[in-house]
Amino acid sequence: MKGMSKRKYREMNLYDLICTAQEDDYDALEELIRREQKNVFASFCYLGADRENLSDLTQEALFRVSKNIKNLKNPKLFKSWLGQIISNLFYDELRKKQKIPDSVSIESFWLNDENNDSSLLNICDNTLKPDEKTMGRELTDIIREMIGKLPEHFRLVIILRELQGLSYDEIAKITNTSVGTVKSRISRARNKLQECLKPYLT
């Protein structure tokens, strides 16, 4: 019976899961954290958090989700709310260190697409063939280097857009900028990365 109960939570869509978690359902909250932990960790990786702080930042972000989930008035805005938590923690860390940390890569790579709204980062594609995995590792090194060279505000909007899947409006609110500024930063960051990766994508 307990297994069936767990399966029920795994099959819930995100909106229903959040609503259930807000009703003090611990199992729903546990499933929500399980679903989001990889993306949260990946976000801090690409934002350039110090290696030794990645786990702590991820745990703190997920703790804040757990602690404050009932305060989220509109469950449909969960991704934006989570993006704000990640952004706040990252900038808090930058202020503590008073420097821009080196970036840390995960098993992801840039996919070139003519549509600028397509996905920038794909996490752990288990369907890759051996030769594609080799190319993926090479691209990962290049991406790590290039993202690390981007100003942190460029890195932040790219991560919020491509990894967290937020809209331009949501990113603008999180970063306290205009939608036009967000679009410009994302476009400039993409162009820099695409130019660097052009030899690998032809």
N, C-alpha and C. Protein backbone atom coordinates (compact mmCIF):
# COMPACT_ATOMS: atom_id res chain seq x y z
N MET A 1 0.83 -1.21 0.00
CA MET A 1 0.00 0.00 0.00
C MET A 1 0.86 1.25 0.00
N LYS A 2 1.93 1.18 0.76
CA LYS A 2 2.81 2.34 0.82
C LYS A 2 3.45 2.60 -0.54
N GLY A 3 3.83 1.51 -1.26
CA GLY A 3 4.41 1.65 -2.58
C GLY A 3 3.45 2.32 -3.54
N MET A 4 2.17 1.93 -3.45
CA MET A 4 1.15 2.52 -4.31
C MET A 4 1.02 4.01 -4.01
N SER A 5 1.11 4.36 -2.74
CA SER A 5 1.00 5.76 -2.35
C SER A 5 2.14 6.57 -2.95
N LYS A 6 3.36 6.04 -2.86
CA LYS A 6 4.51 6.74 -3.42
C LYS A 6 4.35 6.91 -4.92
N ARG A 7 3.85 5.88 -5.58
CA ARG A 7 3.66 5.93 -7.02
C ARG A 7 2.65 7.02 -7.39
N LYS A 8 1.66 7.19 -6.55
CA LYS A 8 0.65 8.21 -6.80
C LYS A 8 1.28 9.60 -6.85
N TYR A 9 2.20 9.86 -5.96
CA TYR A 9 2.86 11.16 -5.94
C TYR A 9 3.77 11.33 -7.15
N ARG A 10 4.44 10.25 -7.54
CA ARG A 10 5.34 10.33 -8.70
C ARG A 10 4.58 10.62 -9.98
N GLU A 11 3.33 10.22 -10.03
CA GLU A 11 2.52 10.41 -11.23
C GLU A 11 1.79 11.75 -11.26
N MET A 12 1.84 12.49 -10.18
CA MET A 12 1.19 13.80 -10.13
C MET A 12 1.89 14.80 -11.01
N ASN A 13 1.12 15.69 -11.63
CA ASN A 13 1.76 16.80 -12.34
C ASN A 13 2.27 17.81 -11.31
N LEU A 14 3.12 18.72 -11.75
CA LEU A 14 3.77 19.63 -10.83
C LEU A 14 2.78 20.48 -10.06
N TYR A 15 1.78 21.00 -10.73
CA TYR A 15 0.79 21.88 -10.07
C TYR A 15 0.08 21.14 -8.93
N ASP A 16 -0.42 19.94 -9.21
CA ASP A 16 -1.13 19.17 -8.18
C ASP A 16 -0.19 18.79 -7.04
N LEU A 17 1.05 18.49 -7.39
CA LEU A 17 2.02 18.11 -6.37
C LEU A 17 2.28 19.26 -5.41
N ILE A 18 2.42 20.46 -5.95
CA ILE A 18 2.66 21.64 -5.12
C ILE A 18 1.46 21.91 -4.22
N CYS A 19 0.26 21.84 -4.80
CA CYS A 19 -0.95 22.07 -4.01
C CYS A 19 -1.07 21.06 -2.87
N THR A 20 -0.73 19.82 -3.16
CA THR A 20 -0.80 18.79 -2.14
C THR A 20 0.25 19.02 -1.06
N ALA A 21 1.44 19.42 -1.47
CA ALA A 21 2.52 19.71 -0.51
C ALA A 21 2.12 20.87 0.40
N GLN A 22 1.38 21.82 -0.13
CA GLN A 22 0.95 22.97 0.66
C GLN A 22 -0.09 22.59 1.71
N GLU A 23 -0.63 21.40 1.61
CA GLU A 23 -1.61 20.91 2.58
C GLU A 23 -0.94 20.05 3.65
N ASP A 24 0.36 20.30 3.86
CA ASP A 24 1.14 19.59 4.88
C ASP A 24 1.29 18.09 4.59
N ASP A 25 1.29 17.75 3.32
CA ASP A 25 1.51 16.37 2.92
C ASP A 25 3.02 16.18 2.72
N TYR A 26 3.65 15.49 3.66
CA TYR A 26 5.10 15.33 3.64
C TYR A 26 5.58 14.54 2.43
N ASP A 27 4.82 13.51 2.04
CA ASP A 27 5.21 12.68 0.90
C ASP A 27 5.20 13.50 -0.39
N ALA A 28 4.24 14.39 -0.52
CA ALA A 28 4.17 15.25 -1.71
C ALA A 28 5.36 16.20 -1.73
N LEU A 29 5.68 16.75 -0.57
CA LEU A 29 6.83 17.66 -0.48
C LEU A 29 8.13 16.91 -0.81
N GLU A 30 8.24 15.70 -0.31
CA GLU A 30 9.42 14.88 -0.57
C GLU A 30 9.59 14.62 -2.07
N GLU A 31 8.49 14.33 -2.75
CA GLU A 31 8.55 14.09 -4.20
C GLU A 31 8.89 15.37 -4.95
N LEU A 32 8.37 16.50 -4.49
CA LEU A 32 8.67 17.79 -5.12
C LEU A 32 10.16 18.09 -5.03
N ILE A 33 10.73 17.88 -3.86
CA ILE A 33 12.17 18.10 -3.67
C ILE A 33 12.98 17.16 -4.54
N ARG A 34 12.55 15.91 -4.62
CA ARG A 34 13.26 14.93 -5.44
C ARG A 34 13.30 15.35 -6.90
N ARG A 35 12.17 15.88 -7.39
CA ARG A 35 12.08 16.29 -8.79
C ARG A 35 12.97 17.49 -9.09
N GLU A 36 13.07 18.39 -8.14
CA GLU A 36 13.73 19.66 -8.42
C GLU A 36 15.22 19.68 -8.08
N GLN A 37 15.70 18.74 -7.28
CA GLN A 37 17.07 18.85 -6.78
C GLN A 37 18.13 18.84 -7.89
N LYS A 38 17.92 18.05 -8.94
CA LYS A 38 18.91 18.01 -10.02
C LYS A 38 19.00 19.36 -10.75
N ASN A 39 17.84 19.96 -11.02
CA ASN A 39 17.84 21.25 -11.71
C ASN A 39 18.45 22.35 -10.85
N VAL A 40 18.17 22.30 -9.55
CA VAL A 40 18.73 23.31 -8.65
C VAL A 40 20.25 23.18 -8.61
N PHE A 41 20.73 21.95 -8.46
CA PHE A 41 22.18 21.71 -8.45
C PHE A 41 22.81 22.16 -9.76
N ALA A 42 22.18 21.81 -10.88
CA ALA A 42 22.71 22.20 -12.19
C ALA A 42 22.75 23.71 -12.36
N SER A 43 21.74 24.39 -11.84
CA SER A 43 21.70 25.85 -11.94
C SER A 43 22.89 26.48 -11.24
N PHE A 44 23.17 26.02 -10.03
CA PHE A 44 24.33 26.56 -9.31
C PHE A 44 25.64 26.20 -10.00
N CYS A 45 25.69 25.01 -10.60
CA CYS A 45 26.88 24.62 -11.36
C CYS A 45 27.16 25.63 -12.47
N TYR A 46 26.16 25.90 -13.27
CA TYR A 46 26.35 26.77 -14.43
C TYR A 46 26.46 28.24 -14.05
N LEU A 47 25.90 28.61 -12.93
CA LEU A 47 26.08 29.98 -12.47
C LEU A 47 27.50 30.22 -12.01
N GLY A 48 28.20 29.15 -11.66
CA GLY A 48 29.61 29.28 -11.29
C GLY A 48 29.86 29.26 -9.80
N ALA A 49 28.99 28.61 -9.04
CA ALA A 49 29.21 28.51 -7.60
C ALA A 49 30.48 27.71 -7.33
N ASP A 50 31.17 28.05 -6.25
CA ASP A 50 32.37 27.31 -5.88
C ASP A 50 32.03 25.83 -5.70
N ARG A 51 32.94 24.98 -6.14
CA ARG A 51 32.71 23.53 -6.08
C ARG A 51 32.34 23.07 -4.67
N GLU A 52 33.07 23.59 -3.68
CA GLU A 52 32.83 23.12 -2.31
C GLU A 52 31.51 23.62 -1.75
N ASN A 53 30.89 24.60 -2.42
CA ASN A 53 29.64 25.15 -1.92
C ASN A 53 28.40 24.64 -2.66
N LEU A 54 28.60 23.85 -3.70
CA LEU A 54 27.47 23.42 -4.53
C LEU A 54 26.42 22.67 -3.73
N SER A 55 26.84 21.70 -2.95
CA SER A 55 25.89 20.91 -2.16
C SER A 55 25.18 21.77 -1.12
N ASP A 56 25.95 22.66 -0.47
CA ASP A 56 25.36 23.51 0.56
C ASP A 56 24.31 24.45 -0.04
N LEU A 57 24.64 25.04 -1.18
CA LEU A 57 23.70 25.95 -1.84
C LEU A 57 22.44 25.21 -2.27
N THR A 58 22.63 24.02 -2.83
CA THR A 58 21.49 23.23 -3.27
C THR A 58 20.60 22.86 -2.09
N GLN A 59 21.22 22.41 -1.00
CA GLN A 59 20.45 22.05 0.19
C GLN A 59 19.71 23.25 0.77
N GLU A 60 20.37 24.40 0.77
CA GLU A 60 19.74 25.60 1.31
C GLU A 60 18.54 26.01 0.45
N ALA A 61 18.70 25.93 -0.86
CA ALA A 61 17.60 26.28 -1.76
C ALA A 61 16.41 25.35 -1.54
N LEU A 62 16.67 24.06 -1.45
CA LEU A 62 15.60 23.09 -1.24
C LEU A 62 14.98 23.22 0.15
N PHE A 63 15.80 23.60 1.12
CA PHE A 63 15.28 23.84 2.47
C PHE A 63 14.31 25.03 2.45
N ARG A 64 14.67 26.08 1.72
CA ARG A 64 13.79 27.24 1.64
C ARG A 64 12.48 26.90 0.93
N VAL A 65 12.57 26.03 -0.08
CA VAL A 65 11.36 25.56 -0.74
C VAL A 65 10.47 24.84 0.27
N SER A 66 11.06 23.93 1.02
CA SER A 66 10.30 23.15 2.01
C SER A 66 9.67 24.05 3.08
N LYS A 67 10.47 24.99 3.55
CA LYS A 67 10.03 25.85 4.65
C LYS A 67 8.95 26.83 4.22
N ASN A 68 9.02 27.31 2.98
CA ASN A 68 8.14 28.40 2.56
C ASN A 68 7.11 28.01 1.51
N ILE A 69 6.98 26.71 1.21
CA ILE A 69 6.07 26.30 0.15
C ILE A 69 4.63 26.75 0.40
N LYS A 70 4.23 26.80 1.65
CA LYS A 70 2.86 27.20 1.96
C LYS A 70 2.64 28.70 1.72
N ASN A 71 3.72 29.45 1.62
CA ASN A 71 3.59 30.89 1.39
C ASN A 71 3.44 31.24 -0.09
N LEU A 72 3.63 30.23 -0.96
CA LEU A 72 3.49 30.46 -2.39
C LEU A 72 2.00 30.53 -2.74
N LYS A 73 1.52 31.72 -3.05
CA LYS A 73 0.09 31.93 -3.25
C LYS A 73 -0.42 31.31 -4.54
N ASN A 74 0.41 31.34 -5.58
CA ASN A 74 0.00 30.79 -6.87
C ASN A 74 0.96 29.67 -7.28
N PRO A 75 0.55 28.42 -7.15
CA PRO A 75 1.43 27.29 -7.50
C PRO A 75 1.93 27.34 -8.94
N LYS A 76 1.20 28.01 -9.82
CA LYS A 76 1.64 28.10 -11.21
C LYS A 76 2.92 28.92 -11.35
N LEU A 77 3.23 29.70 -10.33
CA LEU A 77 4.43 30.54 -10.36
C LEU A 77 5.60 29.87 -9.62
N PHE A 78 5.50 28.57 -9.40
CA PHE A 78 6.54 27.87 -8.64
C PHE A 78 7.92 28.02 -9.27
N LYS A 79 8.04 27.83 -10.58
CA LYS A 79 9.35 27.90 -11.23
C LYS A 79 9.97 29.29 -11.08
N SER A 80 9.16 30.31 -11.20
CA SER A 80 9.65 31.67 -11.03
C SER A 80 10.09 31.90 -9.58
N TRP A 81 9.31 31.40 -8.66
CA TRP A 81 9.62 31.51 -7.22
C TRP A 81 10.92 30.79 -6.91
N LEU A 82 11.09 29.60 -7.46
CA LEU A 82 12.32 28.84 -7.25
C LEU A 82 13.51 29.56 -7.88
N GLY A 83 13.30 30.14 -9.05
CA GLY A 83 14.36 30.91 -9.69
C GLY A 83 14.81 32.08 -8.85
N GLN A 84 13.87 32.71 -8.16
CA GLN A 84 14.21 33.82 -7.27
C GLN A 84 15.05 33.34 -6.10
N ILE A 85 14.70 32.18 -5.56
CA ILE A 85 15.48 31.60 -4.45
C ILE A 85 16.91 31.33 -4.90
N ILE A 86 17.06 30.71 -6.06
CA ILE A 86 18.39 30.40 -6.60
C ILE A 86 19.18 31.68 -6.83
N SER A 87 18.54 32.67 -7.43
CA SER A 87 19.20 33.95 -7.71
C SER A 87 19.66 34.62 -6.43
N ASN A 88 18.80 34.65 -5.43
CA ASN A 88 19.15 35.30 -4.16
C ASN A 88 20.34 34.60 -3.49
N LEU A 89 20.31 33.28 -3.48
CA LEU A 89 21.40 32.54 -2.86
C LEU A 89 22.71 32.74 -3.61
N PHE A 90 22.64 32.76 -4.92
CA PHE A 90 23.85 32.94 -5.71
C PHE A 90 24.48 34.30 -5.46
N TYR A 91 23.66 35.34 -5.46
CA TYR A 91 24.21 36.69 -5.24
C TYR A 91 24.65 36.89 -3.79
N ASP A 92 23.99 36.22 -2.86
CA ASP A 92 24.46 36.25 -1.47
C ASP A 92 25.86 35.66 -1.39
N GLU A 93 26.06 34.56 -2.12
CA GLU A 93 27.36 33.90 -2.13
C GLU A 93 28.43 34.78 -2.77
N LEU A 94 28.06 35.47 -3.84
CA LEU A 94 29.00 36.38 -4.49
C LEU A 94 29.41 37.51 -3.56
N ARG A 95 28.45 38.03 -2.83
CA ARG A 95 28.76 39.12 -1.89
C ARG A 95 29.69 38.65 -0.79
N LYS A 96 29.49 37.41 -0.34
CA LYS A 96 30.36 36.87 0.70
C LYS A 96 31.79 36.72 0.20
N LYS A 97 31.91 36.21 -1.00
CA LYS A 97 33.23 35.95 -1.56
C LYS A 97 33.86 37.21 -2.15
N GLN A 98 32.99 38.17 -2.51
CA GLN A 98 33.45 39.42 -3.14
C GLN A 98 34.29 39.14 -4.37
N LYS A 99 33.85 38.12 -5.12
CA LYS A 99 34.52 37.80 -6.37
C LYS A 99 33.57 36.97 -7.22
N ILE A 100 33.90 36.82 -8.49
CA ILE A 100 33.15 35.96 -9.38
C ILE A 100 33.83 34.60 -9.40
N PRO A 101 33.20 33.55 -8.91
CA PRO A 101 33.86 32.25 -8.83
C PRO A 101 33.98 31.58 -10.18
N ASP A 102 34.86 30.58 -10.26
CA ASP A 102 35.00 29.80 -11.47
C ASP A 102 33.75 28.97 -11.70
N SER A 103 33.45 28.69 -12.97
CA SER A 103 32.28 27.88 -13.28
C SER A 103 32.63 26.40 -13.18
N VAL A 104 31.59 25.59 -12.91
CA VAL A 104 31.76 24.16 -12.80
C VAL A 104 30.79 23.50 -13.76
N SER A 105 31.28 22.55 -14.56
CA SER A 105 30.46 21.92 -15.58
C SER A 105 29.77 20.68 -15.06
N ILE A 106 28.63 20.32 -15.69
CA ILE A 106 28.01 19.04 -15.48
C ILE A 106 27.87 18.39 -16.84
N GLU A 107 27.35 17.14 -16.89
CA GLU A 107 27.26 16.43 -18.16
C GLU A 107 26.14 17.02 -19.01
N SER A 108 26.43 18.14 -19.66
CA SER A 108 25.48 18.81 -20.53
C SER A 108 26.22 19.39 -21.69
N PHE A 109 25.51 19.72 -22.77
CA PHE A 109 26.17 20.37 -23.87
C PHE A 109 25.20 21.25 -24.63
N TRP A 110 25.78 22.20 -25.34
CA TRP A 110 25.02 23.19 -26.10
C TRP A 110 24.53 22.58 -27.39
N LEU A 111 23.24 22.74 -27.69
CA LEU A 111 22.68 22.28 -28.94
C LEU A 111 22.41 23.47 -29.82
N ASN A 112 23.00 23.50 -31.00
CA ASN A 112 22.79 24.60 -31.93
C ASN A 112 21.43 24.45 -32.59
N ASP A 113 20.68 25.52 -32.69
CA ASP A 113 19.37 25.49 -33.30
C ASP A 113 19.10 26.86 -33.88
N GLU A 114 18.44 26.90 -35.00
CA GLU A 114 18.15 28.19 -35.63
C GLU A 114 17.17 29.00 -34.82
N ASN A 115 16.35 28.31 -34.02
CA ASN A 115 15.37 29.00 -33.19
C ASN A 115 16.02 29.35 -31.86
N ASN A 116 16.14 30.64 -31.58
CA ASN A 116 16.81 31.08 -30.36
C ASN A 116 16.05 30.71 -29.10
N ASP A 117 14.78 30.32 -29.25
CA ASP A 117 14.01 29.96 -28.07
C ASP A 117 14.13 28.48 -27.74
N SER A 118 14.96 27.75 -28.50
CA SER A 118 15.13 26.33 -28.22
C SER A 118 15.99 26.13 -26.99
N SER A 119 16.01 24.91 -26.50
CA SER A 119 16.74 24.61 -25.26
C SER A 119 18.23 24.81 -25.42
N LEU A 120 18.83 25.45 -24.45
CA LEU A 120 20.28 25.70 -24.46
C LEU A 120 21.03 24.55 -23.83
N LEU A 121 20.53 24.04 -22.73
CA LEU A 121 21.25 23.03 -21.98
C LEU A 121 20.40 21.79 -21.80
N ASN A 122 20.97 20.62 -22.07
CA ASN A 122 20.28 19.36 -21.82
C ASN A 122 21.06 18.57 -20.80
N ILE A 123 20.38 18.12 -19.74
CA ILE A 123 21.06 17.42 -18.67
C ILE A 123 21.00 15.91 -18.89
N CYS A 124 22.17 15.28 -18.81
CA CYS A 124 22.27 13.82 -18.77
C CYS A 124 21.41 13.13 -19.82
N ASP A 125 21.74 13.29 -21.07
CA ASP A 125 21.04 12.61 -22.15
C ASP A 125 21.57 11.18 -22.25
N ASN A 126 20.83 10.22 -21.68
CA ASN A 126 21.29 8.84 -21.63
C ASN A 126 21.18 8.12 -22.96
N THR A 127 20.61 8.78 -23.98
CA THR A 127 20.44 8.13 -25.27
C THR A 127 21.62 8.38 -26.21
N LEU A 128 22.62 9.12 -25.76
CA LEU A 128 23.75 9.44 -26.62
C LEU A 128 24.53 8.20 -27.01
N LYS A 129 24.97 8.18 -28.27
CA LYS A 129 25.83 7.12 -28.76
C LYS A 129 27.26 7.42 -28.31
N PRO A 130 28.17 6.41 -28.36
CA PRO A 130 29.54 6.62 -27.89
C PRO A 130 30.24 7.81 -28.53
N ASP A 131 30.11 7.95 -29.87
CA ASP A 131 30.78 9.08 -30.52
C ASP A 131 30.16 10.40 -30.12
N GLU A 132 28.85 10.39 -29.85
CA GLU A 132 28.18 11.61 -29.41
C GLU A 132 28.60 11.96 -27.98
N LYS A 133 28.84 10.94 -27.15
CA LYS A 133 29.30 11.19 -25.79
C LYS A 133 30.68 11.84 -25.80
N THR A 134 31.54 11.38 -26.70
CA THR A 134 32.87 11.97 -26.80
C THR A 134 32.78 13.43 -27.19
N MET A 135 31.95 13.72 -28.20
CA MET A 135 31.76 15.11 -28.61
C MET A 135 31.14 15.91 -27.48
N GLY A 136 30.21 15.28 -26.74
CA GLY A 136 29.57 15.97 -25.62
C GLY A 136 30.55 16.39 -24.57
N ARG A 137 31.54 15.51 -24.28
CA ARG A 137 32.54 15.86 -23.28
C ARG A 137 33.40 17.02 -23.75
N GLU A 138 33.74 17.03 -25.04
CA GLU A 138 34.53 18.14 -25.58
C GLU A 138 33.75 19.45 -25.50
N LEU A 139 32.47 19.38 -25.85
CA LEU A 139 31.64 20.58 -25.81
C LEU A 139 31.43 21.06 -24.38
N THR A 140 31.35 20.10 -23.46
CA THR A 140 31.20 20.46 -22.05
C THR A 140 32.37 21.32 -21.57
N ASP A 141 33.58 20.95 -21.97
CA ASP A 141 34.76 21.72 -21.58
C ASP A 141 34.70 23.13 -22.14
N ILE A 142 34.28 23.24 -23.40
CA ILE A 142 34.19 24.56 -24.04
C ILE A 142 33.11 25.40 -23.38
N ILE A 143 31.96 24.76 -23.13
CA ILE A 143 30.86 25.48 -22.49
C ILE A 143 31.26 25.99 -21.11
N ARG A 144 31.94 25.12 -20.35
CA ARG A 144 32.38 25.52 -19.01
C ARG A 144 33.27 26.75 -19.08
N GLU A 145 34.18 26.75 -20.02
CA GLU A 145 35.11 27.87 -20.17
C GLU A 145 34.38 29.14 -20.57
N MET A 146 33.48 29.02 -21.56
CA MET A 146 32.80 30.21 -22.07
C MET A 146 31.79 30.78 -21.07
N ILE A 147 31.03 29.91 -20.41
CA ILE A 147 30.07 30.40 -19.43
C ILE A 147 30.81 31.08 -18.28
N GLY A 148 31.96 30.53 -17.93
CA GLY A 148 32.76 31.14 -16.87
C GLY A 148 33.25 32.53 -17.21
N LYS A 149 33.37 32.83 -18.51
CA LYS A 149 33.84 34.15 -18.94
C LYS A 149 32.71 35.17 -19.05
N LEU A 150 31.47 34.68 -19.04
CA LEU A 150 30.34 35.60 -19.13
C LEU A 150 30.16 36.36 -17.82
N PRO A 151 29.76 37.62 -17.89
CA PRO A 151 29.41 38.35 -16.65
C PRO A 151 28.29 37.60 -15.94
N GLU A 152 28.25 37.70 -14.60
CA GLU A 152 27.28 36.89 -13.86
C GLU A 152 25.85 37.19 -14.24
N HIS A 153 25.54 38.46 -14.65
CA HIS A 153 24.16 38.76 -15.01
C HIS A 153 23.77 38.10 -16.34
N PHE A 154 24.76 37.85 -17.21
CA PHE A 154 24.50 37.09 -18.43
C PHE A 154 24.26 35.62 -18.08
N ARG A 155 25.10 35.11 -17.19
CA ARG A 155 24.98 33.71 -16.78
C ARG A 155 23.62 33.47 -16.13
N LEU A 156 23.21 34.40 -15.28
CA LEU A 156 21.96 34.22 -14.54
C LEU A 156 20.76 34.13 -15.47
N VAL A 157 20.65 35.04 -16.44
CA VAL A 157 19.48 35.03 -17.32
C VAL A 157 19.48 33.79 -18.21
N ILE A 158 20.67 33.35 -18.63
CA ILE A 158 20.76 32.14 -19.45
C ILE A 158 20.26 30.92 -18.64
N ILE A 159 20.69 30.82 -17.40
CA ILE A 159 20.29 29.69 -16.57
C ILE A 159 18.80 29.73 -16.27
N LEU A 160 18.28 30.89 -15.94
CA LEU A 160 16.86 31.01 -15.63
C LEU A 160 15.99 30.69 -16.85
N ARG A 161 16.48 31.07 -18.02
CA ARG A 161 15.71 30.83 -19.25
C ARG A 161 15.84 29.38 -19.72
N GLU A 162 17.05 28.89 -19.84
CA GLU A 162 17.28 27.61 -20.49
C GLU A 162 17.20 26.42 -19.54
N LEU A 163 17.59 26.61 -18.31
CA LEU A 163 17.59 25.48 -17.38
C LEU A 163 16.32 25.46 -16.54
N GLN A 164 15.88 26.62 -16.07
CA GLN A 164 14.67 26.69 -15.26
C GLN A 164 13.42 26.87 -16.11
N GLY A 165 13.60 27.29 -17.36
CA GLY A 165 12.47 27.40 -18.27
C GLY A 165 11.53 28.56 -17.99
N LEU A 166 12.07 29.64 -17.42
CA LEU A 166 11.22 30.79 -17.08
C LEU A 166 10.97 31.67 -18.30
N SER A 167 9.88 32.41 -18.24
CA SER A 167 9.54 33.34 -19.31
C SER A 167 10.38 34.61 -19.17
N TYR A 168 10.42 35.42 -20.22
CA TYR A 168 11.15 36.68 -20.17
C TYR A 168 10.59 37.59 -19.07
N ASP A 169 9.26 37.59 -18.94
CA ASP A 169 8.63 38.42 -17.91
C ASP A 169 9.07 37.99 -16.51
N GLU A 170 9.10 36.69 -16.28
CA GLU A 170 9.49 36.18 -14.97
C GLU A 170 10.95 36.52 -14.66
N ILE A 171 11.81 36.37 -15.67
CA ILE A 171 13.22 36.69 -15.47
C ILE A 171 13.41 38.17 -15.19
N ALA A 172 12.66 39.00 -15.89
CA ALA A 172 12.74 40.45 -15.68
C ALA A 172 12.40 40.81 -14.23
N LYS A 173 11.38 40.15 -13.68
CA LYS A 173 10.99 40.43 -12.29
C LYS A 173 12.07 39.97 -11.32
N ILE A 174 12.63 38.81 -11.57
CA ILE A 174 13.67 38.27 -10.69
C ILE A 174 14.91 39.15 -10.69
N THR A 175 15.29 39.63 -11.87
CA THR A 175 16.53 40.40 -12.02
C THR A 175 16.30 41.92 -11.90
N ASN A 176 15.05 42.32 -11.68
CA ASN A 176 14.72 43.75 -11.56
C ASN A 176 15.17 44.55 -12.78
N THR A 177 14.93 43.97 -13.96
CA THR A 177 15.26 44.65 -15.21
C THR A 177 14.04 44.60 -16.12
N SER A 178 14.16 45.21 -17.28
CA SER A 178 13.07 45.18 -18.25
C SER A 178 13.15 43.91 -19.09
N VAL A 179 12.03 43.58 -19.73
CA VAL A 179 12.00 42.42 -20.61
C VAL A 179 13.00 42.61 -21.76
N GLY A 180 13.09 43.83 -22.25
CA GLY A 180 14.03 44.13 -23.33
C GLY A 180 15.47 43.86 -22.92
N THR A 181 15.80 44.23 -21.69
CA THR A 181 17.16 43.98 -21.18
C THR A 181 17.43 42.49 -21.07
N VAL A 182 16.44 41.76 -20.58
CA VAL A 182 16.58 40.30 -20.45
C VAL A 182 16.81 39.68 -21.82
N LYS A 183 16.00 40.04 -22.80
CA LYS A 183 16.15 39.48 -24.14
C LYS A 183 17.52 39.81 -24.72
N SER A 184 17.96 41.04 -24.50
CA SER A 184 19.26 41.47 -25.02
C SER A 184 20.39 40.66 -24.40
N ARG A 185 20.34 40.47 -23.09
CA ARG A 185 21.40 39.73 -22.41
C ARG A 185 21.43 38.27 -22.85
N ILE A 186 20.25 37.67 -22.98
CA ILE A 186 20.19 36.28 -23.41
C ILE A 186 20.72 36.15 -24.83
N SER A 187 20.32 37.05 -25.69
CA SER A 187 20.77 37.02 -27.08
C SER A 187 22.28 37.17 -27.18
N ARG A 188 22.84 38.10 -26.43
CA ARG A 188 24.29 38.34 -26.48
C ARG A 188 25.05 37.14 -25.93
N ALA A 189 24.54 36.54 -24.86
CA ALA A 189 25.19 35.37 -24.28
C ALA A 189 25.15 34.20 -25.26
N ARG A 190 24.01 33.99 -25.88
CA ARG A 190 23.88 32.90 -26.86
C ARG A 190 24.83 33.10 -28.04
N ASN A 191 24.89 34.33 -28.50
CA ASN A 191 25.75 34.61 -29.65
C ASN A 191 27.22 34.32 -29.34
N LYS A 192 27.63 34.70 -28.13
CA LYS A 192 29.02 34.44 -27.73
C LYS A 192 29.29 32.93 -27.69
N LEU A 193 28.37 32.18 -27.12
CA LEU A 193 28.54 30.75 -27.00
C LEU A 193 28.48 30.05 -28.36
N GLN A 194 27.56 30.47 -29.20
CA GLN A 194 27.42 29.87 -30.52
C GLN A 194 28.65 30.13 -31.37
N GLU A 195 29.19 31.32 -31.27
CA GLU A 195 30.38 31.66 -32.05
C GLU A 195 31.55 30.77 -31.64
N CYS A 196 31.69 30.55 -30.36
CA CYS A 196 32.77 29.72 -29.85
C CYS A 196 32.59 28.27 -30.27
N LEU A 197 31.35 27.81 -30.31
CA LEU A 197 31.08 26.40 -30.59
C LEU A 197 30.88 26.09 -32.08
N LYS A 198 30.94 27.12 -32.90
CA LYS A 198 30.69 26.94 -34.33
C LYS A 198 31.56 25.85 -34.95
N PRO A 199 32.86 25.80 -34.66
CA PRO A 199 33.71 24.74 -35.26
C PRO A 199 33.26 23.33 -34.89
N TYR A 200 32.54 23.19 -33.75
CA TYR A 200 32.15 21.88 -33.29
C TYR A 200 30.77 21.47 -33.82
N LEU A 201 30.07 22.41 -34.42
CA LEU A 201 28.69 22.17 -34.82
C LEU A 201 28.49 22.20 -36.33
N THR A 202 29.59 22.18 -37.07
CA THR A 202 29.49 22.22 -38.53
C THR A 202 29.74 20.83 -39.10
